Amino acid sequence: MGIAVLYTGILVVACLMSLKNIPDVHVSHADKIFHFGAYAVFIILWYTALIFNVKLKKMKALLYVTIFAVVFGIIIEVLQGTMTDNRAMDVYDVVANTSGAFIAAIILWRINKIQVKKL
């Protein structure tokens, strides 16, 4: 659980800090790729935490973390637009966040289905 909480804190800081001193990586849509990957990892970490620490059933944990990730991503984007001077709310970031969360959730769901069939 601690790793998921720590990752969430780091994600909040990374999303609300100034990007003025961050070097340009010259990759097309690098920001959206970061958002996609960050929320995929977010889903995996929280899913694992809910299963092993909270002892939720896999499908319930997957539903909860997916909803949490989407809502969390929207809240972070709103905070960027309202609480920072150097960041702006971006609907495409919300799309990238949500896409990363949904793709990770679908992969975890498929893994669960395969494991159930093997039993």
PDB file of N, CA and C in Angstrom:
ATOM      1  N   MET A   1       0.842  -1.197   0.000  1.00  0.00           N
ATOM      2  CA  MET A   1       0.000   0.000   0.000  1.00  0.00           C
ATOM      3  C   MET A   1       0.871   1.239   0.000  1.00  0.00           C
ATOM      4  N   GLY A   2       1.989   1.166   0.713  1.00  0.00           N
ATOM      5  CA  GLY A   2       2.867   2.319   0.823  1.00  0.00           C
ATOM      6  C   GLY A   2       3.412   2.778  -0.516  1.00  0.00           C
ATOM      7  N   ILE A   3       3.726   1.825  -1.401  1.00  0.00           N
ATOM      8  CA  ILE A   3       4.253   2.193  -2.716  1.00  0.00           C
ATOM      9  C   ILE A   3       3.197   2.926  -3.531  1.00  0.00           C
ATOM     10  N   ALA A   4       1.955   2.478  -3.472  1.00  0.00           N
ATOM     11  CA  ALA A   4       0.873   3.142  -4.204  1.00  0.00           C
ATOM     12  C   ALA A   4       0.652   4.561  -3.690  1.00  0.00           C
ATOM     13  N   VAL A   5       0.685   4.733  -2.385  1.00  0.00           N
ATOM     14  CA  VAL A   5       0.510   6.061  -1.795  1.00  0.00           C
ATOM     15  C   VAL A   5       1.683   6.969  -2.173  1.00  0.00           C
ATOM     16  N   LEU A   6       2.899   6.448  -2.076  1.00  0.00           N
ATOM     17  CA  LEU A   6       4.087   7.226  -2.442  1.00  0.00           C
ATOM     18  C   LEU A   6       4.033   7.635  -3.914  1.00  0.00           C
ATOM     19  N   TYR A   7       3.688   6.706  -4.784  1.00  0.00           N
ATOM     20  CA  TYR A   7       3.581   6.993  -6.218  1.00  0.00           C
ATOM     21  C   TYR A   7       2.529   8.077  -6.473  1.00  0.00           C
ATOM     22  N   THR A   8       1.411   7.987  -5.776  1.00  0.00           N
ATOM     23  CA  THR A   8       0.350   8.981  -5.932  1.00  0.00           C
ATOM     24  C   THR A   8       0.854  10.358  -5.520  1.00  0.00           C
ATOM     25  N   GLY A   9       1.587  10.432  -4.420  1.00  0.00           N
ATOM     26  CA  GLY A   9       2.157  11.708  -3.982  1.00  0.00           C
ATOM     27  C   GLY A   9       3.139  12.271  -4.991  1.00  0.00           C
ATOM     28  N   ILE A  10       3.998  11.416  -5.516  1.00  0.00           N
ATOM     29  CA  ILE A  10       4.955  11.858  -6.526  1.00  0.00           C
ATOM     30  C   ILE A  10       4.233  12.337  -7.779  1.00  0.00           C
ATOM     31  N   LEU A  11       3.171  11.641  -8.162  1.00  0.00           N
ATOM     32  CA  LEU A  11       2.385  12.030  -9.339  1.00  0.00           C
ATOM     33  C   LEU A  11       1.732  13.389  -9.136  1.00  0.00           C
ATOM     34  N   VAL A  12       1.211  13.636  -7.946  1.00  0.00           N
ATOM     35  CA  VAL A  12       0.604  14.937  -7.643  1.00  0.00           C
ATOM     36  C   VAL A  12       1.649  16.044  -7.776  1.00  0.00           C
ATOM     37  N   VAL A  13       2.803  15.840  -7.172  1.00  0.00           N
ATOM     38  CA  VAL A  13       3.867  16.847  -7.229  1.00  0.00           C
ATOM     39  C   VAL A  13       4.312  17.068  -8.672  1.00  0.00           C
ATOM     40  N   ALA A  14       4.535  15.979  -9.404  1.00  0.00           N
ATOM     41  CA  ALA A  14       4.989  16.094 -10.795  1.00  0.00           C
ATOM     42  C   ALA A  14       3.975  16.828 -11.668  1.00  0.00           C
ATOM     43  N   CYS A  15       2.699  16.616 -11.396  1.00  0.00           N
ATOM     44  CA  CYS A  15       1.657  17.242 -12.220  1.00  0.00           C
ATOM     45  C   CYS A  15       1.387  18.698 -11.843  1.00  0.00           C
ATOM     46  N   LEU A  16       1.786  19.108 -10.640  1.00  0.00           N
ATOM     47  CA  LEU A  16       1.514  20.476 -10.205  1.00  0.00           C
ATOM     48  C   LEU A  16       2.758  21.364 -10.165  1.00  0.00           C
ATOM     49  N   MET A  17       3.936  20.782 -10.376  1.00  0.00           N
ATOM     50  CA  MET A  17       5.156  21.592 -10.328  1.00  0.00           C
ATOM     51  C   MET A  17       5.397  22.304 -11.660  1.00  0.00           C
ATOM     52  N   SER A  18       6.251  23.289 -11.613  1.00  0.00           N
ATOM     53  CA  SER A  18       6.619  24.042 -12.806  1.00  0.00           C
ATOM     54  C   SER A  18       7.456  23.172 -13.741  1.00  0.00           C
ATOM     55  N   LEU A  19       7.219  23.319 -15.029  1.00  0.00           N
ATOM     56  CA  LEU A  19       7.970  22.549 -16.016  1.00  0.00           C
ATOM     57  C   LEU A  19       9.009  23.402 -16.740  1.00  0.00           C
ATOM     58  N   LYS A  20       9.274  24.601 -16.222  1.00  0.00           N
ATOM     59  CA  LYS A  20      10.190  25.516 -16.894  1.00  0.00           C
ATOM     60  C   LYS A  20      11.602  24.966 -17.012  1.00  0.00           C
ATOM     61  N   ASN A  21      12.072  24.222 -16.036  1.00  0.00           N
ATOM     62  CA  ASN A  21      13.447  23.718 -16.042  1.00  0.00           C
ATOM     63  C   ASN A  21      13.570  22.287 -16.561  1.00  0.00           C
ATOM     64  N   ILE A  22      12.480  21.741 -17.075  1.00  0.00           N
ATOM     65  CA  ILE A  22      12.500  20.387 -17.614  1.00  0.00           C
ATOM     66  C   ILE A  22      12.991  20.450 -19.067  1.00  0.00           C
ATOM     67  N   PRO A  23      14.010  19.674 -19.409  1.00  0.00           N
ATOM     68  CA  PRO A  23      14.511  19.715 -20.792  1.00  0.00           C
ATOM     69  C   PRO A  23      13.507  19.109 -21.772  1.00  0.00           C
ATOM     70  N   ASP A  24      13.482  19.635 -22.973  1.00  0.00           N
ATOM     71  CA  ASP A  24      12.610  19.127 -24.021  1.00  0.00           C
ATOM     72  C   ASP A  24      13.204  17.833 -24.564  1.00  0.00           C
ATOM     73  N   VAL A  25      12.409  16.775 -24.633  1.00  0.00           N
ATOM     74  CA  VAL A  25      12.916  15.473 -25.069  1.00  0.00           C
ATOM     75  C   VAL A  25      12.759  15.259 -26.576  1.00  0.00           C
ATOM     76  N   HIS A  26      12.147  16.180 -27.259  1.00  0.00           N
ATOM     77  CA  HIS A  26      11.976  16.128 -28.716  1.00  0.00           C
ATOM     78  C   HIS A  26      11.271  14.847 -29.170  1.00  0.00           C
ATOM     79  N   VAL A  27      10.282  14.428 -28.417  1.00  0.00           N
ATOM     80  CA  VAL A  27       9.454  13.284 -28.788  1.00  0.00           C
ATOM     81  C   VAL A  27       8.044  13.808 -29.002  1.00  0.00           C
ATOM     82  N   SER A  28       7.482  13.476 -30.139  1.00  0.00           N
ATOM     83  CA  SER A  28       6.130  13.930 -30.445  1.00  0.00           C
ATOM     84  C   SER A  28       5.144  13.411 -29.398  1.00  0.00           C
ATOM     85  N   HIS A  29       4.380  14.300 -28.835  1.00  0.00           N
ATOM     86  CA  HIS A  29       3.348  13.975 -27.832  1.00  0.00           C
ATOM     87  C   HIS A  29       3.930  13.340 -26.566  1.00  0.00           C
ATOM     88  N   ALA A  30       5.147  13.706 -26.198  1.00  0.00           N
ATOM     89  CA  ALA A  30       5.798  13.126 -25.007  1.00  0.00           C
ATOM     90  C   ALA A  30       4.946  13.327 -23.760  1.00  0.00           C
ATOM     91  N   ASP A  31       4.309  14.492 -23.643  1.00  0.00           N
ATOM     92  CA  ASP A  31       3.469  14.778 -22.481  1.00  0.00           C
ATOM     93  C   ASP A  31       2.314  13.793 -22.383  1.00  0.00           C
ATOM     94  N   LYS A  32       1.677  13.511 -23.501  1.00  0.00           N
ATOM     95  CA  LYS A  32       0.538  12.583 -23.496  1.00  0.00           C
ATOM     96  C   LYS A  32       0.994  11.157 -23.220  1.00  0.00           C
ATOM     97  N   ILE A  33       2.171  10.789 -23.740  1.00  0.00           N
ATOM     98  CA  ILE A  33       2.729   9.464 -23.476  1.00  0.00           C
ATOM     99  C   ILE A  33       3.016   9.318 -21.983  1.00  0.00           C
ATOM    100  N   PHE A  34       3.571  10.379 -21.366  1.00  0.00           N
ATOM    101  CA  PHE A  34       3.820  10.359 -19.923  1.00  0.00           C
ATOM    102  C   PHE A  34       2.508  10.155 -19.159  1.00  0.00           C
ATOM    103  N   HIS A  35       1.479  10.921 -19.511  1.00  0.00           N
ATOM    104  CA  HIS A  35       0.187  10.806 -18.820  1.00  0.00           C
ATOM    105  C   HIS A  35      -0.371   9.389 -18.961  1.00  0.00           C
ATOM    106  N   PHE A  36      -0.335   8.854 -20.168  1.00  0.00           N
ATOM    107  CA  PHE A  36      -0.836   7.504 -20.422  1.00  0.00           C
ATOM    108  C   PHE A  36      -0.108   6.493 -19.536  1.00  0.00           C
ATOM    109  N   GLY A  37       1.215   6.518 -19.571  1.00  0.00           N
ATOM    110  CA  GLY A  37       2.009   5.571 -18.793  1.00  0.00           C
ATOM    111  C   GLY A  37       1.858   5.758 -17.297  1.00  0.00           C
ATOM    112  N   ALA A  38       1.812   7.007 -16.856  1.00  0.00           N
ATOM    113  CA  ALA A  38       1.694   7.291 -15.425  1.00  0.00           C
ATOM    114  C   ALA A  38       0.398   6.731 -14.856  1.00  0.00           C
ATOM    115  N   TYR A  39      -0.691   6.841 -15.601  1.00  0.00           N
ATOM    116  CA  TYR A  39      -1.965   6.346 -15.095  1.00  0.00           C
ATOM    117  C   TYR A  39      -2.112   4.840 -15.262  1.00  0.00           C
ATOM    118  N   ALA A  40      -1.404   4.259 -16.213  1.00  0.00           N
ATOM    119  CA  ALA A  40      -1.375   2.794 -16.308  1.00  0.00           C
ATOM    120  C   ALA A  40      -0.659   2.225 -15.081  1.00  0.00           C
ATOM    121  N   VAL A  41       0.477   2.819 -14.723  1.00  0.00           N
ATOM    122  CA  VAL A  41       1.208   2.388 -13.525  1.00  0.00           C
ATOM    123  C   VAL A  41       0.364   2.633 -12.270  1.00  0.00           C
ATOM    124  N   PHE A  42      -0.325   3.778 -12.223  1.00  0.00           N
ATOM    125  CA  PHE A  42      -1.210   4.128 -11.111  1.00  0.00           C
ATOM    126  C   PHE A  42      -2.229   3.004 -10.869  1.00  0.00           C
ATOM    127  N   ILE A  43      -2.866   2.541 -11.936  1.00  0.00           N
ATOM    128  CA  ILE A  43      -3.869   1.468 -11.848  1.00  0.00           C
ATOM    129  C   ILE A  43      -3.226   0.184 -11.300  1.00  0.00           C
ATOM    130  N   ILE A  44      -2.092  -0.183 -11.850  1.00  0.00           N
ATOM    131  CA  ILE A  44      -1.440  -1.428 -11.446  1.00  0.00           C
ATOM    132  C   ILE A  44      -1.045  -1.391  -9.969  1.00  0.00           C
ATOM    133  N   LEU A  45      -0.464  -0.287  -9.529  1.00  0.00           N
ATOM    134  CA  LEU A  45      -0.041  -0.182  -8.134  1.00  0.00           C
ATOM    135  C   LEU A  45      -1.220  -0.215  -7.169  1.00  0.00           C
ATOM    136  N   TRP A  46      -2.265   0.562  -7.460  1.00  0.00           N
ATOM    137  CA  TRP A  46      -3.417   0.592  -6.559  1.00  0.00           C
ATOM    138  C   TRP A  46      -4.205  -0.726  -6.592  1.00  0.00           C
ATOM    139  N   TYR A  47      -4.304  -1.330  -7.764  1.00  0.00           N
ATOM    140  CA  TYR A  47      -4.964  -2.633  -7.888  1.00  0.00           C
ATOM    141  C   TYR A  47      -4.254  -3.662  -7.001  1.00  0.00           C
ATOM    142  N   THR A  48      -2.938  -3.707  -7.105  1.00  0.00           N
ATOM    143  CA  THR A  48      -2.142  -4.632  -6.302  1.00  0.00           C
ATOM    144  C   THR A  48      -2.317  -4.345  -4.809  1.00  0.00           C
ATOM    145  N   ALA A  49      -2.307  -3.057  -4.452  1.00  0.00           N
ATOM    146  CA  ALA A  49      -2.474  -2.680  -3.043  1.00  0.00           C
ATOM    147  C   ALA A  49      -3.835  -3.114  -2.508  1.00  0.00           C
ATOM    148  N   LEU A  50      -4.877  -2.916  -3.286  1.00  0.00           N
ATOM    149  CA  LEU A  50      -6.221  -3.283  -2.815  1.00  0.00           C
ATOM    150  C   LEU A  50      -6.397  -4.793  -2.696  1.00  0.00           C
ATOM    151  N   ILE A  51      -5.756  -5.548  -3.562  1.00  0.00           N
ATOM    152  CA  ILE A  51      -5.872  -7.002  -3.494  1.00  0.00           C
ATOM    153  C   ILE A  51      -5.082  -7.568  -2.311  1.00  0.00           C
ATOM    154  N   PHE A  52      -3.833  -7.129  -2.165  1.00  0.00           N
ATOM    155  CA  PHE A  52      -2.965  -7.743  -1.159  1.00  0.00           C
ATOM    156  C   PHE A  52      -3.072  -7.110   0.225  1.00  0.00           C
ATOM    157  N   ASN A  53      -3.354  -5.811   0.281  1.00  0.00           N
ATOM    158  CA  ASN A  53      -3.415  -5.146   1.582  1.00  0.00           C
ATOM    159  C   ASN A  53      -4.837  -5.031   2.122  1.00  0.00           C
ATOM    160  N   VAL A  54      -5.768  -4.694   1.258  1.00  0.00           N
ATOM    161  CA  VAL A  54      -7.149  -4.509   1.693  1.00  0.00           C
ATOM    162  C   VAL A  54      -7.947  -5.799   1.535  1.00  0.00           C
ATOM    163  N   LYS A  55      -7.406  -6.727   0.750  1.00  0.00           N
ATOM    164  CA  LYS A  55      -8.022  -8.040   0.524  1.00  0.00           C
ATOM    165  C   LYS A  55      -9.349  -7.957  -0.230  1.00  0.00           C
ATOM    166  N   LEU A  56      -9.439  -7.006  -1.156  1.00  0.00           N
ATOM    167  CA  LEU A  56     -10.635  -6.937  -2.003  1.00  0.00           C
ATOM    168  C   LEU A  56     -10.564  -8.012  -3.075  1.00  0.00           C
ATOM    169  N   LYS A  57     -11.719  -8.427  -3.555  1.00  0.00           N
ATOM    170  CA  LYS A  57     -11.756  -9.349  -4.686  1.00  0.00           C
ATOM    171  C   LYS A  57     -11.231  -8.618  -5.915  1.00  0.00           C
ATOM    172  N   LYS A  58     -10.644  -9.355  -6.833  1.00  0.00           N
ATOM    173  CA  LYS A  58      -9.945  -8.760  -7.972  1.00  0.00           C
ATOM    174  C   LYS A  58     -10.830  -7.845  -8.813  1.00  0.00           C
ATOM    175  N   MET A  59     -12.011  -8.275  -9.148  1.00  0.00           N
ATOM    176  CA  MET A  59     -12.864  -7.458 -10.024  1.00  0.00           C
ATOM    177  C   MET A  59     -13.367  -6.205  -9.304  1.00  0.00           C
ATOM    178  N   LYS A  60     -13.657  -6.324  -8.036  1.00  0.00           N
ATOM    179  CA  LYS A  60     -14.082  -5.157  -7.259  1.00  0.00           C
ATOM    180  C   LYS A  60     -12.922  -4.166  -7.151  1.00  0.00           C
ATOM    181  N   ALA A  61     -11.725  -4.666  -6.887  1.00  0.00           N
ATOM    182  CA  ALA A  61     -10.536  -3.805  -6.809  1.00  0.00           C
ATOM    183  C   ALA A  61     -10.304  -3.104  -8.133  1.00  0.00           C
ATOM    184  N   LEU A  62     -10.456  -3.831  -9.229  1.00  0.00           N
ATOM    185  CA  LEU A  62     -10.246  -3.248 -10.556  1.00  0.00           C
ATOM    186  C   LEU A  62     -11.260  -2.149 -10.850  1.00  0.00           C
ATOM    187  N   LEU A  63     -12.496  -2.377 -10.488  1.00  0.00           N
ATOM    188  CA  LEU A  63     -13.523  -1.348 -10.675  1.00  0.00           C
ATOM    189  C   LEU A  63     -13.213  -0.113  -9.841  1.00  0.00           C
ATOM    190  N   TYR A  64     -12.891  -0.303  -8.583  1.00  0.00           N
ATOM    191  CA  TYR A  64     -12.598   0.830  -7.694  1.00  0.00           C
ATOM    192  C   TYR A  64     -11.396   1.638  -8.168  1.00  0.00           C
ATOM    193  N   VAL A  65     -10.307   0.956  -8.540  1.00  0.00           N
ATOM    194  CA  VAL A  65      -9.110   1.708  -8.942  1.00  0.00           C
ATOM    195  C   VAL A  65      -9.311   2.417 -10.273  1.00  0.00           C
ATOM    196  N   THR A  66     -10.106   1.839 -11.140  1.00  0.00           N
ATOM    197  CA  THR A  66     -10.360   2.499 -12.423  1.00  0.00           C
ATOM    198  C   THR A  66     -11.158   3.774 -12.211  1.00  0.00           C
ATOM    199  N   ILE A  67     -12.197   3.705 -11.421  1.00  0.00           N
ATOM    200  CA  ILE A  67     -12.990   4.904 -11.111  1.00  0.00           C
ATOM    201  C   ILE A  67     -12.124   5.933 -10.391  1.00  0.00           C
ATOM    202  N   PHE A  68     -11.349   5.478  -9.416  1.00  0.00           N
ATOM    203  CA  PHE A  68     -10.465   6.362  -8.663  1.00  0.00           C
ATOM    204  C   PHE A  68      -9.460   7.051  -9.585  1.00  0.00           C
ATOM    205  N   ALA A  69      -8.856   6.311 -10.507  1.00  0.00           N
ATOM    206  CA  ALA A  69      -7.855   6.881 -11.417  1.00  0.00           C
ATOM    207  C   ALA A  69      -8.462   7.943 -12.325  1.00  0.00           C
ATOM    208  N   VAL A  70      -9.637   7.680 -12.859  1.00  0.00           N
ATOM    209  CA  VAL A  70     -10.286   8.654 -13.749  1.00  0.00           C
ATOM    210  C   VAL A  70     -10.644   9.920 -12.976  1.00  0.00           C
ATOM    211  N   VAL A  71     -11.246   9.775 -11.819  1.00  0.00           N
ATOM    212  CA  VAL A  71     -11.624  10.936 -11.002  1.00  0.00           C
ATOM    213  C   VAL A  71     -10.372  11.689 -10.543  1.00  0.00           C
ATOM    214  N   PHE A  72      -9.365  10.958 -10.106  1.00  0.00           N
ATOM    215  CA  PHE A  72      -8.106  11.565  -9.674  1.00  0.00           C
ATOM    216  C   PHE A  72      -7.472  12.368 -10.807  1.00  0.00           C
ATOM    217  N   GLY A  73      -7.451  11.800 -12.005  1.00  0.00           N
ATOM    218  CA  GLY A  73      -6.876  12.492 -13.159  1.00  0.00           C
ATOM    219  C   GLY A  73      -7.613  13.776 -13.491  1.00  0.00           C
ATOM    220  N   ILE A  74      -8.924  13.754 -13.393  1.00  0.00           N
ATOM    221  CA  ILE A  74      -9.725  14.958 -13.641  1.00  0.00           C
ATOM    222  C   ILE A  74      -9.445  16.011 -12.578  1.00  0.00           C
ATOM    223  N   ILE A  75      -9.389  15.586 -11.324  1.00  0.00           N
ATOM    224  CA  ILE A  75      -9.107  16.526 -10.231  1.00  0.00           C
ATOM    225  C   ILE A  75      -7.734  17.177 -10.409  1.00  0.00           C
ATOM    226  N   ILE A  76      -6.733  16.395 -10.766  1.00  0.00           N
ATOM    227  CA  ILE A  76      -5.384  16.942 -10.974  1.00  0.00           C
ATOM    228  C   ILE A  76      -5.401  17.976 -12.097  1.00  0.00           C
ATOM    229  N   GLU A  77      -6.102  17.702 -13.164  1.00  0.00           N
ATOM    230  CA  GLU A  77      -6.163  18.660 -14.277  1.00  0.00           C
ATOM    231  C   GLU A  77      -6.877  19.949 -13.860  1.00  0.00           C
ATOM    232  N   VAL A  78      -7.939  19.822 -13.091  1.00  0.00           N
ATOM    233  CA  VAL A  78      -8.638  21.014 -12.593  1.00  0.00           C
ATOM    234  C   VAL A  78      -7.708  21.812 -11.681  1.00  0.00           C
ATOM    235  N   LEU A  79      -6.970  21.120 -10.825  1.00  0.00           N
ATOM    236  CA  LEU A  79      -6.023  21.811  -9.943  1.00  0.00           C
ATOM    237  C   LEU A  79      -4.932  22.519 -10.738  1.00  0.00           C
ATOM    238  N   GLN A  80      -4.478  21.918 -11.826  1.00  0.00           N
ATOM    239  CA  GLN A  80      -3.480  22.573 -12.665  1.00  0.00           C
ATOM    240  C   GLN A  80      -4.018  23.896 -13.211  1.00  0.00           C
ATOM    241  N   GLY A  81      -5.286  23.909 -13.567  1.00  0.00           N
ATOM    242  CA  GLY A  81      -5.882  25.122 -14.116  1.00  0.00           C
ATOM    243  C   GLY A  81      -6.238  26.169 -13.080  1.00  0.00           C
ATOM    244  N   THR A  82      -6.457  25.744 -11.836  1.00  0.00           N
ATOM    245  CA  THR A  82      -6.926  26.688 -10.818  1.00  0.00           C
ATOM    246  C   THR A  82      -5.886  27.050  -9.763  1.00  0.00           C
ATOM    247  N   MET A  83      -4.938  26.159  -9.484  1.00  0.00           N
ATOM    248  CA  MET A  83      -4.019  26.396  -8.378  1.00  0.00           C
ATOM    249  C   MET A  83      -2.587  26.700  -8.802  1.00  0.00           C
ATOM    250  N   THR A  84      -2.299  26.632 -10.089  1.00  0.00           N
ATOM    251  CA  THR A  84      -0.942  26.911 -10.548  1.00  0.00           C
ATOM    252  C   THR A  84      -0.965  28.060 -11.541  1.00  0.00           C
ATOM    253  N   ASP A  85       0.148  28.785 -11.578  1.00  0.00           N
ATOM    254  CA  ASP A  85       0.272  29.883 -12.537  1.00  0.00           C
ATOM    255  C   ASP A  85       0.938  29.434 -13.833  1.00  0.00           C
ATOM    256  N   ASN A  86       1.669  28.333 -13.759  1.00  0.00           N
ATOM    257  CA  ASN A  86       2.453  27.918 -14.904  1.00  0.00           C
ATOM    258  C   ASN A  86       1.945  26.652 -15.586  1.00  0.00           C
ATOM    259  N   ARG A  87       0.843  26.120 -15.144  1.00  0.00           N
ATOM    260  CA  ARG A  87       0.244  24.921 -15.750  1.00  0.00           C
ATOM    261  C   ARG A  87      -1.180  25.253 -16.134  1.00  0.00           C
ATOM    262  N   ALA A  88      -1.705  24.512 -17.081  1.00  0.00           N
ATOM    263  CA  ALA A  88      -3.068  24.744 -17.539  1.00  0.00           C
ATOM    264  C   ALA A  88      -3.818  23.415 -17.612  1.00  0.00           C
ATOM    265  N   MET A  89      -5.111  23.496 -17.422  1.00  0.00           N
ATOM    266  CA  MET A  89      -5.945  22.312 -17.578  1.00  0.00           C
ATOM    267  C   MET A  89      -5.978  21.946 -19.056  1.00  0.00           C
ATOM    268  N   ASP A  90      -5.831  20.653 -19.335  1.00  0.00           N
ATOM    269  CA  ASP A  90      -5.806  20.190 -20.719  1.00  0.00           C
ATOM    270  C   ASP A  90      -6.719  18.972 -20.839  1.00  0.00           C
ATOM    271  N   VAL A  91      -7.747  19.099 -21.640  1.00  0.00           N
ATOM    272  CA  VAL A  91      -8.696  18.005 -21.842  1.00  0.00           C
ATOM    273  C   VAL A  91      -7.986  16.790 -22.433  1.00  0.00           C
ATOM    274  N   TYR A  92      -6.990  17.019 -23.282  1.00  0.00           N
ATOM    275  CA  TYR A  92      -6.267  15.905 -23.881  1.00  0.00           C
ATOM    276  C   TYR A  92      -5.421  15.151 -22.855  1.00  0.00           C
ATOM    277  N   ASP A  93      -4.995  15.831 -21.801  1.00  0.00           N
ATOM    278  CA  ASP A  93      -4.322  15.137 -20.700  1.00  0.00           C
ATOM    279  C   ASP A  93      -5.307  14.209 -19.991  1.00  0.00           C
ATOM    280  N   VAL A  94      -6.527  14.671 -19.804  1.00  0.00           N
ATOM    281  CA  VAL A  94      -7.565  13.833 -19.191  1.00  0.00           C
ATOM    282  C   VAL A  94      -7.814  12.603 -20.062  1.00  0.00           C
ATOM    283  N   VAL A  95      -7.853  12.800 -21.378  1.00  0.00           N
ATOM    284  CA  VAL A  95      -8.043  11.674 -22.300  1.00  0.00           C
ATOM    285  C   VAL A  95      -6.871  10.696 -22.188  1.00  0.00           C
ATOM    286  N   ALA A  96      -5.645  11.219 -22.137  1.00  0.00           N
ATOM    287  CA  ALA A  96      -4.463  10.353 -22.014  1.00  0.00           C
ATOM    288  C   ALA A  96      -4.466   9.614 -20.672  1.00  0.00           C
ATOM    289  N   ASN A  97      -4.811  10.321 -19.590  1.00  0.00           N
ATOM    290  CA  ASN A  97      -4.899   9.694 -18.261  1.00  0.00           C
ATOM    291  C   ASN A  97      -5.909   8.555 -18.277  1.00  0.00           C
ATOM    292  N   THR A  98      -7.090   8.857 -18.781  1.00  0.00           N
ATOM    293  CA  THR A  98      -8.185   7.888 -18.810  1.00  0.00           C
ATOM    294  C   THR A  98      -7.840   6.706 -19.710  1.00  0.00           C
ATOM    295  N   SER A  99      -7.218   6.983 -20.845  1.00  0.00           N
ATOM    296  CA  SER A  99      -6.822   5.906 -21.764  1.00  0.00           C
ATOM    297  C   SER A  99      -5.811   4.979 -21.108  1.00  0.00           C
ATOM    298  N   GLY A 100      -4.818   5.541 -20.444  1.00  0.00           N
ATOM    299  CA  GLY A 100      -3.828   4.714 -19.745  1.00  0.00           C
ATOM    300  C   GLY A 100      -4.471   3.866 -18.671  1.00  0.00           C
ATOM    301  N   ALA A 101      -5.393   4.471 -17.930  1.00  0.00           N
ATOM    302  CA  ALA A 101      -6.092   3.734 -16.869  1.00  0.00           C
ATOM    303  C   ALA A 101      -6.941   2.612 -17.463  1.00  0.00           C
ATOM    304  N   PHE A 102      -7.690   2.910 -18.526  1.00  0.00           N
ATOM    305  CA  PHE A 102      -8.564   1.895 -19.119  1.00  0.00           C
ATOM    306  C   PHE A 102      -7.775   0.755 -19.769  1.00  0.00           C
ATOM    307  N   ILE A 103      -6.692   1.092 -20.456  1.00  0.00           N
ATOM    308  CA  ILE A 103      -5.894   0.036 -21.090  1.00  0.00           C
ATOM    309  C   ILE A 103      -5.284  -0.879 -20.020  1.00  0.00           C
ATOM    310  N   ALA A 104      -4.741  -0.297 -18.965  1.00  0.00           N
ATOM    311  CA  ALA A 104      -4.186  -1.108 -17.873  1.00  0.00           C
ATOM    312  C   ALA A 104      -5.279  -1.952 -17.229  1.00  0.00           C
ATOM    313  N   ALA A 105      -6.461  -1.375 -17.034  1.00  0.00           N
ATOM    314  CA  ALA A 105      -7.577  -2.115 -16.438  1.00  0.00           C
ATOM    315  C   ALA A 105      -8.006  -3.276 -17.336  1.00  0.00           C
ATOM    316  N   ILE A 106      -8.044  -3.042 -18.633  1.00  0.00           N
ATOM    317  CA  ILE A 106      -8.427  -4.107 -19.574  1.00  0.00           C
ATOM    318  C   ILE A 106      -7.392  -5.232 -19.546  1.00  0.00           C
ATOM    319  N   ILE A 107      -6.125  -4.877 -19.521  1.00  0.00           N
ATOM    320  CA  ILE A 107      -5.063  -5.892 -19.454  1.00  0.00           C
ATOM    321  C   ILE A 107      -5.184  -6.703 -18.170  1.00  0.00           C
ATOM    322  N   LEU A 108      -5.384  -6.035 -17.041  1.00  0.00           N
ATOM    323  CA  LEU A 108      -5.545  -6.747 -15.769  1.00  0.00           C
ATOM    324  C   LEU A 108      -6.794  -7.625 -15.783  1.00  0.00           C
ATOM    325  N   TRP A 109      -7.862  -7.127 -16.357  1.00  0.00           N
ATOM    326  CA  TRP A 109      -9.099  -7.901 -16.462  1.00  0.00           C
ATOM    327  C   TRP A 109      -8.880  -9.164 -17.287  1.00  0.00           C
ATOM    328  N   ARG A 110      -8.167  -9.017 -18.424  1.00  0.00           N
ATOM    329  CA  ARG A 110      -7.886 -10.175 -19.287  1.00  0.00           C
ATOM    330  C   ARG A 110      -6.993 -11.188 -18.564  1.00  0.00           C
ATOM    331  N   ILE A 111      -6.005 -10.693 -17.843  1.00  0.00           N
ATOM    332  CA  ILE A 111      -5.136 -11.593 -17.077  1.00  0.00           C
ATOM    333  C   ILE A 111      -5.966 -12.374 -16.064  1.00  0.00           C
ATOM    334  N   ASN A 112      -6.898 -11.701 -15.403  1.00  0.00           N
ATOM    335  CA  ASN A 112      -7.770 -12.377 -14.431  1.00  0.00           C
ATOM    336  C   ASN A 112      -8.635 -13.427 -15.109  1.00  0.00           C
ATOM    337  N   LYS A 113      -9.147 -13.142 -16.291  1.00  0.00           N
ATOM    338  CA  LYS A 113      -9.982 -14.103 -17.006  1.00  0.00           C
ATOM    339  C   LYS A 113      -9.174 -15.338 -17.406  1.00  0.00           C
ATOM    340  N   ILE A 114      -7.944 -15.123 -17.843  1.00  0.00           N
ATOM    341  CA  ILE A 114      -7.085 -16.241 -18.233  1.00  0.00           C
ATOM    342  C   ILE A 114      -6.759 -17.107 -17.017  1.00  0.00           C
ATOM    343  N   GLN A 115      -6.473 -16.482 -15.875  1.00  0.00           N
ATOM    344  CA  GLN A 115      -6.152 -17.228 -14.657  1.00  0.00           C
ATOM    345  C   GLN A 115      -7.343 -18.040 -14.176  1.00  0.00           C
ATOM    346  N   VAL A 116      -8.535 -17.500 -14.292  1.00  0.00           N
ATOM    347  CA  VAL A 116      -9.740 -18.224 -13.874  1.00  0.00           C
ATOM    348  C   VAL A 116      -9.966 -19.433 -14.771  1.00  0.00           C
ATOM    349  N   LYS A 117      -9.750 -19.289 -16.085  1.00  0.00           N
ATOM    350  CA  LYS A 117      -9.963 -20.409 -17.004  1.00  0.00           C
ATOM    351  C   LYS A 117      -8.992 -21.550 -16.751  1.00  0.00           C
ATOM    352  N   LYS A 118      -7.761 -21.233 -16.304  1.00  0.00           N
ATOM    353  CA  LYS A 118      -6.766 -22.263 -16.039  1.00  0.00           C
ATOM    354  C   LYS A 118      -7.145 -23.128 -14.853  1.00  0.00           C
ATOM    355  N   LEU A 119      -7.899 -22.568 -13.918  1.00  0.00           N
ATOM    356  CA  LEU A 119      -8.294 -23.327 -12.730  1.00  0.00           C
ATOM    357  C   LEU A 119      -9.376 -24.260 -13.083  1.00  0.00           C
TER     358      LEU A 119
END
